[in-house]
C-alpha cells in the first residue's frame, strides 16, 4: 500500500515540476503582453488594461536559451 502512495507522490511531484517549468518559460519569454488603452468617456479619460497571450514569443526565448548550450547545432530551421 505504501508503495502505491510513493509512486503517486512522485507522479504528483513530476506534474507540479512540469507545470512550474512551463509557467516559468511563459513568464520569462514575455508571452503574456499587457496592453493599456485610454478612452474618452463623457469628457473623462479612462484607462483600461488587458492581457493577451502571444505564443510566438516562446520559441524565440527557448532558442535564445538553448543556442549558447548547443552551439547553434540543434536550432537550424532548414531540412
N, C-alpha and C. Protein backbone atom coordinates (compact mmCIF):
# COMPACT_ATOMS: atom_id res chain seq x y z
N UNK A 1 0.82 -1.19 0.00
CA UNK A 1 0.00 0.00 0.00
C UNK A 1 0.86 1.26 0.00
N UNK A 2 1.93 1.26 0.80
CA UNK A 2 2.79 2.45 0.86
C UNK A 2 3.55 2.63 -0.45
N UNK A 3 3.79 1.54 -1.18
CA UNK A 3 4.48 1.66 -2.45
C UNK A 3 3.62 2.39 -3.48
N UNK A 4 2.31 2.17 -3.44
CA UNK A 4 1.41 2.88 -4.35
C UNK A 4 1.38 4.37 -4.03
N UNK A 5 1.38 4.69 -2.76
CA UNK A 5 1.39 6.11 -2.38
C UNK A 5 2.69 6.77 -2.76
N UNK A 6 3.78 6.06 -2.69
CA UNK A 6 5.07 6.61 -3.05
C UNK A 6 5.10 6.95 -4.54
N UNK A 7 4.61 6.06 -5.37
CA UNK A 7 4.60 6.34 -6.81
C UNK A 7 3.61 7.45 -7.14
N UNK A 8 2.51 7.52 -6.42
CA UNK A 8 1.55 8.60 -6.62
C UNK A 8 2.17 9.93 -6.24
N UNK A 9 2.90 9.96 -5.14
CA UNK A 9 3.57 11.18 -4.71
C UNK A 9 4.62 11.62 -5.73
N UNK A 10 5.39 10.67 -6.28
CA UNK A 10 6.38 11.00 -7.29
C UNK A 10 5.72 11.53 -8.56
N UNK A 11 4.58 10.96 -8.94
CA UNK A 11 3.87 11.42 -10.12
C UNK A 11 3.35 12.85 -9.91
N UNK A 12 2.81 13.13 -8.74
CA UNK A 12 2.33 14.49 -8.46
C UNK A 12 3.49 15.48 -8.42
N UNK A 13 4.60 15.05 -7.90
CA UNK A 13 5.79 15.91 -7.87
C UNK A 13 6.29 16.20 -9.28
N UNK A 14 6.27 15.20 -10.16
CA UNK A 14 6.70 15.39 -11.54
C UNK A 14 5.76 16.34 -12.29
N UNK A 15 4.46 16.18 -12.07
CA UNK A 15 3.49 17.06 -12.74
C UNK A 15 3.63 18.49 -12.24
N UNK A 16 3.82 18.67 -10.96
CA UNK A 16 3.97 20.03 -10.43
C UNK A 16 5.26 20.68 -10.93
N UNK A 17 6.33 19.92 -11.06
CA UNK A 17 7.57 20.46 -11.59
C UNK A 17 7.39 20.85 -13.06
N UNK A 18 6.69 20.02 -13.82
CA UNK A 18 6.44 20.33 -15.22
C UNK A 18 5.63 21.62 -15.35
N UNK A 19 4.60 21.78 -14.54
CA UNK A 19 3.78 23.00 -14.59
C UNK A 19 4.60 24.22 -14.17
N UNK A 20 5.49 24.06 -13.21
CA UNK A 20 6.35 25.16 -12.79
C UNK A 20 7.27 25.59 -13.93
N UNK A 21 7.87 24.64 -14.63
CA UNK A 21 8.77 24.95 -15.73
C UNK A 21 8.02 25.63 -16.87
N UNK A 22 6.84 25.13 -17.21
CA UNK A 22 6.05 25.74 -18.28
C UNK A 22 5.65 27.17 -17.90
N UNK A 23 5.23 27.37 -16.68
CA UNK A 23 4.88 28.71 -16.22
C UNK A 23 6.08 29.64 -16.24
N UNK A 24 7.23 29.15 -15.84
CA UNK A 24 8.45 29.95 -15.85
C UNK A 24 8.80 30.39 -17.26
N UNK A 25 8.73 29.47 -18.21
CA UNK A 25 9.06 29.79 -19.60
C UNK A 25 8.08 30.81 -20.17
N UNK A 26 6.79 30.65 -19.86
CA UNK A 26 5.79 31.58 -20.37
C UNK A 26 6.03 32.98 -19.80
N UNK A 27 6.33 33.07 -18.53
CA UNK A 27 6.56 34.39 -17.92
C UNK A 27 7.86 35.02 -18.39
N UNK A 28 8.94 34.24 -18.47
CA UNK A 28 10.24 34.79 -18.86
C UNK A 28 10.27 35.18 -20.33
N UNK A 29 9.50 34.51 -21.17
CA UNK A 29 9.51 34.81 -22.60
C UNK A 29 8.73 36.06 -22.93
N UNK A 30 7.91 36.52 -22.01
CA UNK A 30 7.10 37.70 -22.28
C UNK A 30 5.90 37.38 -23.13
N UNK A 31 5.42 36.16 -23.08
CA UNK A 31 4.29 35.74 -23.90
C UNK A 31 2.99 36.37 -23.43
N UNK A 32 2.94 36.81 -22.20
CA UNK A 32 1.76 37.50 -21.69
C UNK A 32 2.02 38.99 -21.83
N UNK A 33 1.31 39.61 -22.75
CA UNK A 33 1.52 41.02 -23.05
C UNK A 33 0.45 41.87 -22.38
N UNK A 34 0.87 42.97 -21.81
CA UNK A 34 -0.04 43.91 -21.17
C UNK A 34 -0.29 45.07 -22.11
N UNK A 35 -1.56 45.36 -22.35
CA UNK A 35 -1.91 46.48 -23.21
C UNK A 35 -2.76 47.46 -22.42
N UNK A 36 -2.40 48.71 -22.52
CA UNK A 36 -3.20 49.75 -21.88
C UNK A 36 -3.76 50.65 -22.96
N UNK A 37 -5.01 50.99 -22.82
CA UNK A 37 -5.64 51.89 -23.77
C UNK A 37 -6.41 52.95 -23.00
N UNK A 38 -6.42 54.14 -23.56
CA UNK A 38 -7.12 55.26 -22.94
C UNK A 38 -8.33 55.61 -23.79
N UNK A 39 -9.48 55.68 -23.14
CA UNK A 39 -10.72 56.00 -23.83
C UNK A 39 -11.33 57.26 -23.20
N UNK A 40 -11.95 58.05 -24.03
CA UNK A 40 -12.64 59.24 -23.55
C UNK A 40 -14.12 58.90 -23.37
N UNK A 41 -14.59 58.95 -22.15
CA UNK A 41 -16.00 58.68 -21.84
C UNK A 41 -16.54 59.88 -21.08
N UNK A 42 -17.53 60.53 -21.66
CA UNK A 42 -18.17 61.71 -21.07
C UNK A 42 -17.15 62.80 -20.72
N UNK A 43 -16.18 62.98 -21.57
CA UNK A 43 -15.18 64.02 -21.34
C UNK A 43 -14.09 63.64 -20.37
N UNK A 44 -14.15 62.45 -19.81
CA UNK A 44 -13.12 61.99 -18.88
C UNK A 44 -12.33 60.86 -19.54
N UNK A 45 -11.05 60.87 -19.32
CA UNK A 45 -10.23 59.80 -19.88
C UNK A 45 -10.20 58.62 -18.90
N UNK A 46 -10.47 57.46 -19.45
CA UNK A 46 -10.46 56.24 -18.64
C UNK A 46 -9.44 55.29 -19.22
N UNK A 47 -8.56 54.81 -18.37
CA UNK A 47 -7.51 53.91 -18.81
C UNK A 47 -7.90 52.48 -18.47
N UNK A 48 -7.82 51.60 -19.47
CA UNK A 48 -8.15 50.20 -19.24
C UNK A 48 -6.95 49.34 -19.65
N UNK A 49 -6.76 48.27 -18.92
CA UNK A 49 -5.66 47.36 -19.21
C UNK A 49 -6.23 46.01 -19.60
N UNK A 50 -5.54 45.35 -20.52
CA UNK A 50 -5.93 44.00 -20.91
C UNK A 50 -4.65 43.19 -21.12
N UNK A 51 -4.79 41.90 -21.01
CA UNK A 51 -3.65 40.99 -21.17
C UNK A 51 -3.94 40.05 -22.32
N UNK A 52 -2.93 39.87 -23.18
CA UNK A 52 -3.04 38.96 -24.32
C UNK A 52 -1.90 37.95 -24.25
N UNK A 53 -2.17 36.77 -24.78
CA UNK A 53 -1.18 35.71 -24.81
C UNK A 53 -0.63 35.60 -26.22
N UNK A 54 0.68 35.79 -26.38
CA UNK A 54 1.34 35.72 -27.68
C UNK A 54 2.30 34.54 -27.66
N UNK A 55 1.85 33.41 -28.19
CA UNK A 55 2.64 32.17 -28.14
C UNK A 55 3.85 32.20 -29.06
N UNK A 56 3.92 33.14 -29.99
CA UNK A 56 5.05 33.17 -30.91
C UNK A 56 6.34 33.61 -30.23
N UNK A 57 6.26 34.15 -29.04
CA UNK A 57 7.47 34.56 -28.32
C UNK A 57 8.17 33.40 -27.62
N UNK A 58 7.47 32.32 -27.37
CA UNK A 58 8.05 31.20 -26.62
C UNK A 58 9.19 30.52 -27.38
N UNK A 59 9.03 30.16 -28.68
CA UNK A 59 10.16 29.54 -29.38
C UNK A 59 11.39 30.44 -29.48
N UNK A 60 11.16 31.74 -29.59
CA UNK A 60 12.29 32.68 -29.66
C UNK A 60 13.07 32.66 -28.35
N UNK A 61 12.34 32.62 -27.22
CA UNK A 61 13.01 32.58 -25.92
C UNK A 61 13.75 31.25 -25.74
N UNK A 62 13.13 30.15 -26.13
CA UNK A 62 13.78 28.84 -25.97
C UNK A 62 15.04 28.77 -26.82
N UNK A 63 14.98 29.30 -28.04
CA UNK A 63 16.18 29.30 -28.89
C UNK A 63 17.29 30.15 -28.28
N UNK A 64 16.92 31.27 -27.66
CA UNK A 64 17.95 32.11 -27.06
C UNK A 64 18.59 31.46 -25.85
N UNK A 65 17.87 30.57 -25.19
CA UNK A 65 18.43 29.86 -24.04
C UNK A 65 19.24 28.64 -24.48
N UNK A 66 18.76 27.94 -25.50
CA UNK A 66 19.40 26.69 -25.93
C UNK A 66 20.62 26.95 -26.82
N UNK A 67 20.63 28.04 -27.57
CA UNK A 67 21.70 28.31 -28.52
C UNK A 67 23.09 28.36 -27.88
N UNK A 68 23.28 29.03 -26.75
CA UNK A 68 24.63 29.03 -26.16
C UNK A 68 25.06 27.65 -25.65
N UNK A 69 24.11 26.82 -25.31
CA UNK A 69 24.44 25.49 -24.77
C UNK A 69 24.84 24.54 -25.88
N UNK A 70 24.07 24.54 -26.99
CA UNK A 70 24.31 23.58 -28.07
C UNK A 70 25.25 24.12 -29.13
N UNK A 71 25.57 25.40 -29.10
CA UNK A 71 26.42 25.97 -30.12
C UNK A 71 25.71 26.09 -31.45
N UNK A 72 24.41 26.33 -31.44
CA UNK A 72 23.56 26.51 -32.62
C UNK A 72 23.45 25.26 -33.49
N UNK A 73 23.85 24.12 -33.01
CA UNK A 73 23.79 22.90 -33.82
C UNK A 73 22.36 22.36 -33.93
N UNK A 74 21.57 22.47 -32.89
CA UNK A 74 20.25 21.87 -32.89
C UNK A 74 19.15 22.84 -33.27
N UNK A 75 19.49 24.02 -33.78
CA UNK A 75 18.49 25.04 -33.99
C UNK A 75 18.26 25.43 -35.44
N UNK A 76 18.79 24.68 -36.39
CA UNK A 76 18.60 25.09 -37.77
C UNK A 76 17.18 24.78 -38.22
N UNK A 77 16.60 25.73 -38.95
CA UNK A 77 15.24 25.56 -39.46
C UNK A 77 15.23 24.88 -40.81
N UNK A 78 16.37 24.72 -41.42
CA UNK A 78 16.47 24.07 -42.73
C UNK A 78 16.36 22.57 -42.57
N UNK A 79 15.76 21.93 -43.58
CA UNK A 79 15.61 20.46 -43.51
C UNK A 79 16.41 19.78 -44.57
